[in-house]
Amino acid sequence: MQSRSTLRIHVNIEVPEAALQTIVSNCKAHTQRDAKGHYRVDTADKVSELVSKYLQSDDFLDFVNDPAHYGG
């Protein structure tokens, strides 16, 4: 995360089904199976991490400062 102060906010967002499938697939590819052959990865946490990284890299603060994004 960046050094500036941040808040964790839980929201509902719409993402393409293909994005979720890709996240699950990539998590499996980067995670070892346990003794029973199951993957131990929390994909919901990974989605949160990826969305946060995306918002930071695309400068979400600059986006919300633009009044044009508030129209109907």
Protein backbone atom coordinates (compact mmCIF):
# COMPACT_ATOMS: atom_id res chain seq x y z
CA MET A 1 0.00 0.00 0.00
CA GLN A 2 1.00 3.61 -0.36
CA SER A 3 2.37 5.61 2.55
CA ARG A 4 -0.59 8.03 2.75
CA SER A 5 -3.44 7.26 5.13
CA THR A 6 -6.02 4.86 3.79
CA LEU A 7 -9.33 3.41 4.96
CA ARG A 8 -10.68 -0.06 4.32
CA ILE A 9 -14.17 0.24 2.86
CA HIS A 10 -16.34 -2.74 2.00
CA VAL A 11 -18.41 -2.14 -1.12
CA ASN A 12 -20.34 -4.06 -3.72
CA ILE A 13 -18.93 -3.72 -7.22
CA GLU A 14 -19.78 -5.29 -10.53
CA VAL A 15 -16.99 -7.14 -12.31
CA PRO A 16 -17.12 -9.43 -15.32
CA GLU A 17 -17.45 -13.12 -14.56
CA ALA A 18 -14.32 -13.66 -16.65
CA ALA A 19 -12.33 -11.46 -14.24
CA LEU A 20 -13.31 -13.63 -11.28
CA GLN A 21 -12.48 -16.78 -13.23
CA THR A 22 -9.08 -15.33 -14.06
CA ILE A 23 -8.40 -14.45 -10.42
CA VAL A 24 -9.29 -17.96 -9.26
CA SER A 25 -7.18 -19.53 -11.99
CA ASN A 26 -4.17 -17.34 -11.21
CA CYS A 27 -4.51 -17.95 -7.47
CA LYS A 28 -4.46 -21.70 -8.06
CA ALA A 29 -1.41 -21.37 -10.30
CA HIS A 30 0.49 -19.47 -7.58
CA THR A 31 -0.61 -21.50 -4.54
CA GLN A 32 0.52 -24.91 -3.33
CA ARG A 33 -2.04 -27.59 -2.57
CA ASP A 34 -2.27 -28.88 1.00
CA ALA A 35 -1.90 -32.54 2.02
CA LYS A 36 -5.50 -33.25 0.98
CA GLY A 37 -5.01 -31.65 -2.44
CA HIS A 38 -7.01 -28.52 -1.64
CA TYR A 39 -5.95 -24.97 -2.36
CA ARG A 40 -5.65 -22.70 0.69
CA VAL A 41 -6.19 -19.25 -0.71
CA ASP A 42 -8.89 -16.68 0.05
CA THR A 43 -9.95 -15.45 -3.37
CA ALA A 44 -12.19 -12.76 -1.82
CA ASP A 45 -9.13 -11.26 -0.11
CA LYS A 46 -7.24 -11.48 -3.41
CA VAL A 47 -10.06 -9.64 -5.23
CA SER A 48 -9.92 -6.91 -2.57
CA GLU A 49 -6.14 -6.66 -2.90
CA LEU A 50 -6.27 -6.46 -6.70
CA VAL A 51 -9.04 -3.83 -6.76
CA SER A 52 -7.12 -1.73 -4.22
CA LYS A 53 -3.93 -1.97 -6.29
CA TYR A 54 -5.89 -1.00 -9.40
CA LEU A 55 -7.45 2.05 -7.72
CA GLN A 56 -4.06 3.18 -6.43
CA SER A 57 -2.33 2.74 -9.77
CA ASP A 58 -5.09 4.62 -11.61
CA ASP A 59 -5.04 7.45 -9.03
CA PHE A 60 -8.52 7.10 -7.57
CA LEU A 61 -8.07 10.34 -5.62
CA ASP A 62 -7.64 12.28 -8.86
CA PHE A 63 -10.69 10.52 -10.29
CA VAL A 64 -12.97 11.48 -7.37
CA ASN A 65 -11.73 15.07 -7.47
CA ASP A 66 -13.13 15.49 -10.99
CA PRO A 67 -16.69 16.93 -10.77
CA ALA A 68 -17.51 15.45 -14.19
CA HIS A 69 -17.79 12.00 -12.57
CA TYR A 70 -20.72 13.04 -10.38
CA GLY A 71 -23.29 13.85 -13.05
CA GLY A 72 -26.27 11.67 -13.85
